[in-house]
Amino acid sequence: MSIKNITRLYNVAYNSIFTYNGALPYTRVTECIIKVVNMVANTETDEFTLTDIGEHNEACLADLIIGAFWHYIEWHGGQDSQGYVALSALGQVFSPGMADGPEEGTGEHASYEMLNQLAGEYYNARL
């Protein structure tokens, strides 16, 4: 796995979460997040790499990982769901310790909010 592949998948996830014309629906964004986090877990990276990737966007890769973790805490559908798989993958690279959610005004919170919005739109459309 390479940093180039991680960056490519981050860009796909980021564009699908933060732009109106994103290429992926919510379920595919979840799959993309699982893939990019597994790549991060299996690639020798440091915390600076995670903040360097997407550093000029609303949320860098580190922010996206943290925001996604908090999102899937609330939006997974049990142990047999893709959301739970995502949460488990995210837990490989992020451990919240005593934190109680993303801090407002951060890229972490922006990621969390945008994923919540994307999930809400997806599930409302299915009703």
N, C-alpha and C. Protein backbone atom coordinates (compact mmCIF):
# COMPACT_ATOMS: atom_id res chain seq x y z
N MET A 1 0.84 -1.17 0.00
CA MET A 1 0.00 0.00 0.00
C MET A 1 0.88 1.23 0.00
N SER A 2 0.42 2.25 -0.66
CA SER A 2 1.25 3.44 -0.73
C SER A 2 0.46 4.68 -0.31
N ILE A 3 1.19 5.72 0.01
CA ILE A 3 0.59 6.99 0.38
C ILE A 3 -0.22 7.52 -0.80
N LYS A 4 0.24 7.27 -2.02
CA LYS A 4 -0.49 7.71 -3.21
C LYS A 4 -1.88 7.08 -3.28
N ASN A 5 -1.98 5.78 -2.98
CA ASN A 5 -3.28 5.10 -2.99
C ASN A 5 -4.18 5.60 -1.85
N ILE A 6 -3.59 5.85 -0.70
CA ILE A 6 -4.35 6.40 0.43
C ILE A 6 -4.90 7.76 0.05
N THR A 7 -4.06 8.59 -0.56
CA THR A 7 -4.49 9.93 -0.98
C THR A 7 -5.60 9.85 -2.01
N ARG A 8 -5.49 8.93 -2.94
CA ARG A 8 -6.52 8.77 -3.97
C ARG A 8 -7.86 8.41 -3.34
N LEU A 9 -7.87 7.44 -2.44
CA LEU A 9 -9.12 7.04 -1.79
C LEU A 9 -9.66 8.14 -0.87
N TYR A 10 -8.77 8.84 -0.18
CA TYR A 10 -9.21 9.99 0.63
C TYR A 10 -9.94 10.99 -0.25
N ASN A 11 -9.37 11.30 -1.42
CA ASN A 11 -9.98 12.27 -2.32
C ASN A 11 -11.37 11.83 -2.78
N VAL A 12 -11.53 10.55 -3.07
CA VAL A 12 -12.84 10.02 -3.47
C VAL A 12 -13.83 10.20 -2.32
N ALA A 13 -13.43 9.80 -1.11
CA ALA A 13 -14.32 9.93 0.05
C ALA A 13 -14.63 11.40 0.33
N TYR A 14 -13.59 12.22 0.35
CA TYR A 14 -13.77 13.65 0.63
C TYR A 14 -14.74 14.29 -0.36
N ASN A 15 -14.53 14.05 -1.64
CA ASN A 15 -15.39 14.66 -2.66
C ASN A 15 -16.83 14.17 -2.55
N SER A 16 -17.01 12.94 -2.15
CA SER A 16 -18.36 12.39 -2.01
C SER A 16 -19.06 12.91 -0.76
N ILE A 17 -18.30 13.26 0.25
CA ILE A 17 -18.87 13.75 1.51
C ILE A 17 -19.07 15.26 1.48
N PHE A 18 -18.12 15.99 0.92
CA PHE A 18 -18.13 17.44 1.04
C PHE A 18 -18.58 18.20 -0.20
N THR A 19 -18.91 17.51 -1.28
CA THR A 19 -19.39 18.23 -2.47
C THR A 19 -20.78 17.73 -2.84
N TYR A 20 -21.55 18.59 -3.48
CA TYR A 20 -22.92 18.23 -3.87
C TYR A 20 -22.95 17.23 -5.01
N ASN A 21 -21.91 17.20 -5.79
CA ASN A 21 -21.88 16.28 -6.92
C ASN A 21 -20.92 15.12 -6.67
N GLY A 22 -20.86 14.67 -5.43
CA GLY A 22 -19.99 13.56 -5.08
C GLY A 22 -20.34 12.31 -5.86
N ALA A 23 -19.33 11.53 -6.14
CA ALA A 23 -19.50 10.36 -6.99
C ALA A 23 -20.17 9.18 -6.28
N LEU A 24 -20.06 9.11 -4.97
CA LEU A 24 -20.52 7.92 -4.26
C LEU A 24 -21.72 8.21 -3.36
N PRO A 25 -22.69 7.30 -3.33
CA PRO A 25 -23.76 7.40 -2.35
C PRO A 25 -23.23 6.97 -0.98
N TYR A 26 -24.04 7.18 0.04
CA TYR A 26 -23.63 6.91 1.43
C TYR A 26 -23.05 5.51 1.62
N THR A 27 -23.71 4.49 1.08
CA THR A 27 -23.22 3.12 1.29
C THR A 27 -21.83 2.92 0.69
N ARG A 28 -21.59 3.53 -0.44
CA ARG A 28 -20.27 3.41 -1.09
C ARG A 28 -19.24 4.27 -0.38
N VAL A 29 -19.66 5.39 0.19
CA VAL A 29 -18.74 6.20 1.00
C VAL A 29 -18.26 5.37 2.19
N THR A 30 -19.18 4.64 2.80
CA THR A 30 -18.82 3.77 3.92
C THR A 30 -17.78 2.75 3.47
N GLU A 31 -18.00 2.12 2.33
CA GLU A 31 -17.02 1.16 1.81
C GLU A 31 -15.67 1.82 1.55
N CYS A 32 -15.70 3.03 1.01
CA CYS A 32 -14.47 3.77 0.73
C CYS A 32 -13.72 4.09 2.02
N ILE A 33 -14.45 4.50 3.04
CA ILE A 33 -13.82 4.80 4.33
C ILE A 33 -13.18 3.53 4.90
N ILE A 34 -13.86 2.42 4.81
CA ILE A 34 -13.29 1.16 5.29
C ILE A 34 -11.99 0.86 4.56
N LYS A 35 -11.99 1.01 3.24
CA LYS A 35 -10.78 0.73 2.46
C LYS A 35 -9.63 1.66 2.83
N VAL A 36 -9.90 2.96 2.90
CA VAL A 36 -8.81 3.90 3.17
C VAL A 36 -8.27 3.69 4.59
N VAL A 37 -9.12 3.40 5.55
CA VAL A 37 -8.65 3.18 6.92
C VAL A 37 -7.85 1.89 7.00
N ASN A 38 -8.29 0.85 6.32
CA ASN A 38 -7.50 -0.38 6.30
C ASN A 38 -6.14 -0.15 5.65
N MET A 39 -6.10 0.67 4.61
CA MET A 39 -4.81 1.00 3.98
C MET A 39 -3.91 1.74 4.96
N VAL A 40 -4.48 2.70 5.69
CA VAL A 40 -3.70 3.45 6.69
C VAL A 40 -3.16 2.49 7.74
N ALA A 41 -4.01 1.58 8.20
CA ALA A 41 -3.59 0.63 9.25
C ALA A 41 -2.49 -0.30 8.76
N ASN A 42 -2.47 -0.59 7.46
CA ASN A 42 -1.49 -1.53 6.91
C ASN A 42 -0.31 -0.85 6.22
N THR A 43 -0.22 0.46 6.33
CA THR A 43 0.87 1.21 5.72
C THR A 43 1.60 1.97 6.82
N GLU A 44 2.89 2.00 6.71
CA GLU A 44 3.66 2.73 7.70
C GLU A 44 3.46 4.22 7.49
N THR A 45 2.68 4.82 8.36
CA THR A 45 2.41 6.26 8.30
C THR A 45 2.60 6.84 9.69
N ASP A 46 2.79 8.14 9.73
CA ASP A 46 2.83 8.82 11.01
C ASP A 46 1.67 9.81 11.05
N GLU A 47 1.46 10.42 12.20
CA GLU A 47 0.31 11.33 12.32
C GLU A 47 0.44 12.53 11.39
N PHE A 48 1.65 12.92 11.03
CA PHE A 48 1.82 14.05 10.12
C PHE A 48 1.32 13.71 8.72
N THR A 49 1.51 12.47 8.30
CA THR A 49 0.99 12.04 7.00
C THR A 49 -0.52 12.18 6.97
N LEU A 50 -1.18 11.82 8.06
CA LEU A 50 -2.63 11.88 8.12
C LEU A 50 -3.15 13.31 8.12
N THR A 51 -2.36 14.25 8.61
CA THR A 51 -2.78 15.66 8.56
C THR A 51 -2.33 16.32 7.27
N ASP A 52 -1.28 15.81 6.64
CA ASP A 52 -0.81 16.37 5.37
C ASP A 52 -1.76 16.06 4.23
N ILE A 53 -2.35 14.87 4.24
CA ILE A 53 -3.27 14.48 3.17
C ILE A 53 -4.56 15.28 3.35
N GLY A 54 -4.83 16.17 2.42
CA GLY A 54 -6.02 17.00 2.46
C GLY A 54 -5.91 18.19 3.40
N GLU A 55 -4.70 18.61 3.72
CA GLU A 55 -4.52 19.66 4.73
C GLU A 55 -5.17 20.99 4.37
N HIS A 56 -5.43 21.25 3.10
CA HIS A 56 -6.04 22.52 2.71
C HIS A 56 -7.55 22.39 2.46
N ASN A 57 -8.12 21.25 2.79
CA ASN A 57 -9.56 21.03 2.65
C ASN A 57 -10.25 21.31 3.98
N GLU A 58 -11.56 21.22 3.98
CA GLU A 58 -12.32 21.39 5.22
C GLU A 58 -11.93 20.35 6.26
N ALA A 59 -11.50 19.18 5.79
CA ALA A 59 -11.11 18.10 6.70
C ALA A 59 -9.97 17.30 6.07
N CYS A 60 -8.86 17.23 6.77
CA CYS A 60 -7.75 16.39 6.31
C CYS A 60 -8.11 14.93 6.61
N LEU A 61 -7.25 14.02 6.23
CA LEU A 61 -7.52 12.60 6.45
C LEU A 61 -7.70 12.29 7.94
N ALA A 62 -6.88 12.86 8.79
CA ALA A 62 -7.02 12.62 10.23
C ALA A 62 -8.39 13.09 10.72
N ASP A 63 -8.82 14.27 10.27
CA ASP A 63 -10.14 14.79 10.65
C ASP A 63 -11.25 13.88 10.16
N LEU A 64 -11.11 13.41 8.93
CA LEU A 64 -12.13 12.52 8.35
C LEU A 64 -12.23 11.22 9.16
N ILE A 65 -11.11 10.68 9.55
CA ILE A 65 -11.10 9.44 10.34
C ILE A 65 -11.81 9.66 11.68
N ILE A 66 -11.49 10.73 12.36
CA ILE A 66 -12.08 11.00 13.67
C ILE A 66 -13.57 11.31 13.54
N GLY A 67 -13.93 12.16 12.58
CA GLY A 67 -15.35 12.47 12.37
C GLY A 67 -16.15 11.25 11.99
N ALA A 68 -15.57 10.40 11.14
CA ALA A 68 -16.26 9.17 10.72
C ALA A 68 -16.44 8.23 11.91
N PHE A 69 -15.45 8.15 12.78
CA PHE A 69 -15.57 7.30 13.96
C PHE A 69 -16.80 7.70 14.78
N TRP A 70 -16.92 9.00 15.06
CA TRP A 70 -18.06 9.47 15.86
C TRP A 70 -19.37 9.30 15.10
N HIS A 71 -19.34 9.46 13.80
CA HIS A 71 -20.55 9.25 13.00
C HIS A 71 -21.03 7.81 13.12
N TYR A 72 -20.13 6.86 12.89
CA TYR A 72 -20.54 5.45 12.89
C TYR A 72 -20.87 4.93 14.28
N ILE A 73 -20.40 5.60 15.34
CA ILE A 73 -20.85 5.26 16.70
C ILE A 73 -22.37 5.39 16.75
N GLU A 74 -22.90 6.43 16.10
CA GLU A 74 -24.33 6.72 16.15
C GLU A 74 -25.12 6.08 15.01
N TRP A 75 -24.49 5.80 13.87
CA TRP A 75 -25.24 5.39 12.68
C TRP A 75 -25.04 3.95 12.27
N HIS A 76 -24.30 3.14 13.01
CA HIS A 76 -24.17 1.75 12.58
C HIS A 76 -25.46 1.00 12.90
N GLY A 77 -25.72 -0.03 12.16
CA GLY A 77 -26.96 -0.79 12.32
C GLY A 77 -26.76 -2.13 13.01
N GLY A 78 -25.85 -2.20 13.94
CA GLY A 78 -25.58 -3.45 14.64
C GLY A 78 -24.38 -4.18 14.05
N GLN A 79 -24.02 -5.28 14.66
CA GLN A 79 -22.80 -5.98 14.30
C GLN A 79 -22.78 -6.54 12.89
N ASP A 80 -23.91 -6.69 12.26
CA ASP A 80 -23.95 -7.21 10.90
C ASP A 80 -23.99 -6.11 9.84
N SER A 81 -23.81 -4.86 10.24
CA SER A 81 -23.93 -3.74 9.30
C SER A 81 -22.57 -3.27 8.80
N GLN A 82 -22.60 -2.61 7.65
CA GLN A 82 -21.38 -2.00 7.11
C GLN A 82 -20.88 -0.88 8.01
N GLY A 83 -21.81 -0.19 8.66
CA GLY A 83 -21.42 0.86 9.59
C GLY A 83 -20.59 0.32 10.75
N TYR A 84 -20.93 -0.87 11.22
CA TYR A 84 -20.17 -1.50 12.29
C TYR A 84 -18.79 -1.94 11.77
N VAL A 85 -18.75 -2.43 10.54
CA VAL A 85 -17.47 -2.79 9.93
C VAL A 85 -16.58 -1.54 9.84
N ALA A 86 -17.19 -0.41 9.43
CA ALA A 86 -16.44 0.85 9.35
C ALA A 86 -15.94 1.26 10.73
N LEU A 87 -16.80 1.18 11.72
CA LEU A 87 -16.42 1.54 13.08
C LEU A 87 -15.26 0.68 13.58
N SER A 88 -15.32 -0.60 13.29
CA SER A 88 -14.23 -1.51 13.69
C SER A 88 -12.93 -1.16 12.97
N ALA A 89 -13.02 -0.86 11.68
CA ALA A 89 -11.83 -0.47 10.92
C ALA A 89 -11.25 0.83 11.48
N LEU A 90 -12.11 1.80 11.73
CA LEU A 90 -11.66 3.09 12.27
C LEU A 90 -10.99 2.91 13.62
N GLY A 91 -11.48 1.96 14.41
CA GLY A 91 -10.90 1.68 15.72
C GLY A 91 -9.47 1.17 15.65
N GLN A 92 -9.04 0.72 14.47
CA GLN A 92 -7.65 0.29 14.29
C GLN A 92 -6.68 1.46 14.36
N VAL A 93 -7.15 2.64 13.95
CA VAL A 93 -6.25 3.80 13.84
C VAL A 93 -6.65 4.96 14.73
N PHE A 94 -7.82 4.90 15.36
CA PHE A 94 -8.25 5.98 16.24
C PHE A 94 -8.90 5.39 17.48
N SER A 95 -8.42 5.84 18.62
CA SER A 95 -9.00 5.46 19.91
C SER A 95 -9.34 6.75 20.64
N PRO A 96 -10.62 6.98 20.92
CA PRO A 96 -11.02 8.28 21.46
C PRO A 96 -10.65 8.53 22.91
N GLY A 97 -10.25 7.51 23.64
CA GLY A 97 -9.92 7.72 25.04
C GLY A 97 -11.14 8.25 25.78
N MET A 98 -10.99 9.35 26.48
CA MET A 98 -12.08 9.91 27.28
C MET A 98 -12.86 10.98 26.52
N ALA A 99 -12.60 11.18 25.25
CA ALA A 99 -13.31 12.19 24.47
C ALA A 99 -14.78 11.82 24.33
N ASP A 100 -15.60 12.83 24.10
CA ASP A 100 -17.03 12.56 23.98
C ASP A 100 -17.60 13.07 22.66
N GLY A 101 -16.78 13.16 21.65
CA GLY A 101 -17.24 13.58 20.34
C GLY A 101 -16.32 14.62 19.73
N PRO A 102 -16.55 14.91 18.47
CA PRO A 102 -15.67 15.89 17.80
C PRO A 102 -15.96 17.32 18.29
N GLU A 103 -14.92 18.10 18.40
CA GLU A 103 -15.04 19.48 18.87
C GLU A 103 -15.61 20.37 17.76
N GLU A 104 -16.60 21.16 18.10
CA GLU A 104 -17.22 22.04 17.11
C GLU A 104 -16.18 23.00 16.53
N GLY A 105 -16.39 23.32 15.24
CA GLY A 105 -15.50 24.25 14.56
C GLY A 105 -14.24 23.61 14.02
N THR A 106 -14.17 22.28 14.05
CA THR A 106 -12.98 21.57 13.56
C THR A 106 -13.34 20.77 12.31
N GLY A 107 -12.32 20.31 11.60
CA GLY A 107 -12.53 19.42 10.47
C GLY A 107 -13.15 18.11 10.90
N GLU A 108 -12.85 17.69 12.12
CA GLU A 108 -13.45 16.47 12.67
C GLU A 108 -14.97 16.62 12.76
N HIS A 109 -15.40 17.76 13.28
CA HIS A 109 -16.83 18.01 13.43
C HIS A 109 -17.49 18.19 12.07
N ALA A 110 -16.80 18.85 11.15
CA ALA A 110 -17.35 19.01 9.79
C ALA A 110 -17.55 17.65 9.14
N SER A 111 -16.60 16.75 9.28
CA SER A 111 -16.73 15.39 8.73
C SER A 111 -17.90 14.66 9.35
N TYR A 112 -18.01 14.74 10.66
CA TYR A 112 -19.10 14.11 11.40
C TYR A 112 -20.45 14.64 10.91
N GLU A 113 -20.59 15.95 10.82
CA GLU A 113 -21.85 16.57 10.38
C GLU A 113 -22.19 16.21 8.94
N MET A 114 -21.22 16.24 8.06
CA MET A 114 -21.49 15.96 6.65
C MET A 114 -21.86 14.48 6.45
N LEU A 115 -21.21 13.59 7.17
CA LEU A 115 -21.58 12.18 7.10
C LEU A 115 -22.99 11.96 7.66
N ASN A 116 -23.33 12.66 8.74
CA ASN A 116 -24.69 12.56 9.28
C ASN A 116 -25.71 13.02 8.24
N GLN A 117 -25.41 14.12 7.58
CA GLN A 117 -26.31 14.65 6.56
C GLN A 117 -26.45 13.66 5.40
N LEU A 118 -25.34 13.12 4.93
CA LEU A 118 -25.36 12.16 3.83
C LEU A 118 -26.16 10.91 4.22
N ALA A 119 -25.96 10.42 5.44
CA ALA A 119 -26.71 9.26 5.91
C ALA A 119 -28.19 9.56 6.02
N GLY A 120 -28.53 10.73 6.55
CA GLY A 120 -29.92 11.11 6.68
C GLY A 120 -30.62 11.19 5.33
N GLU A 121 -29.95 11.78 4.35
CA GLU A 121 -30.51 11.87 3.00
C GLU A 121 -30.70 10.48 2.41
N TYR A 122 -29.73 9.61 2.61
CA TYR A 122 -29.79 8.26 2.06
C TYR A 122 -30.97 7.49 2.67
N TYR A 123 -31.08 7.53 4.00
CA TYR A 123 -32.13 6.75 4.65
C TYR A 123 -33.51 7.37 4.44
N ASN A 124 -33.60 8.69 4.37
CA ASN A 124 -34.89 9.32 4.08
C ASN A 124 -35.38 9.00 2.68
N ALA A 125 -34.47 8.89 1.74
CA ALA A 125 -34.84 8.56 0.36
C ALA A 125 -35.36 7.12 0.25
N ARG A 126 -34.94 6.27 1.18
CA ARG A 126 -35.35 4.87 1.16
C ARG A 126 -36.73 4.66 1.78
N LEU A 127 -37.24 5.65 2.52
CA LEU A 127 -38.54 5.50 3.18
C LEU A 127 -39.69 5.65 2.22
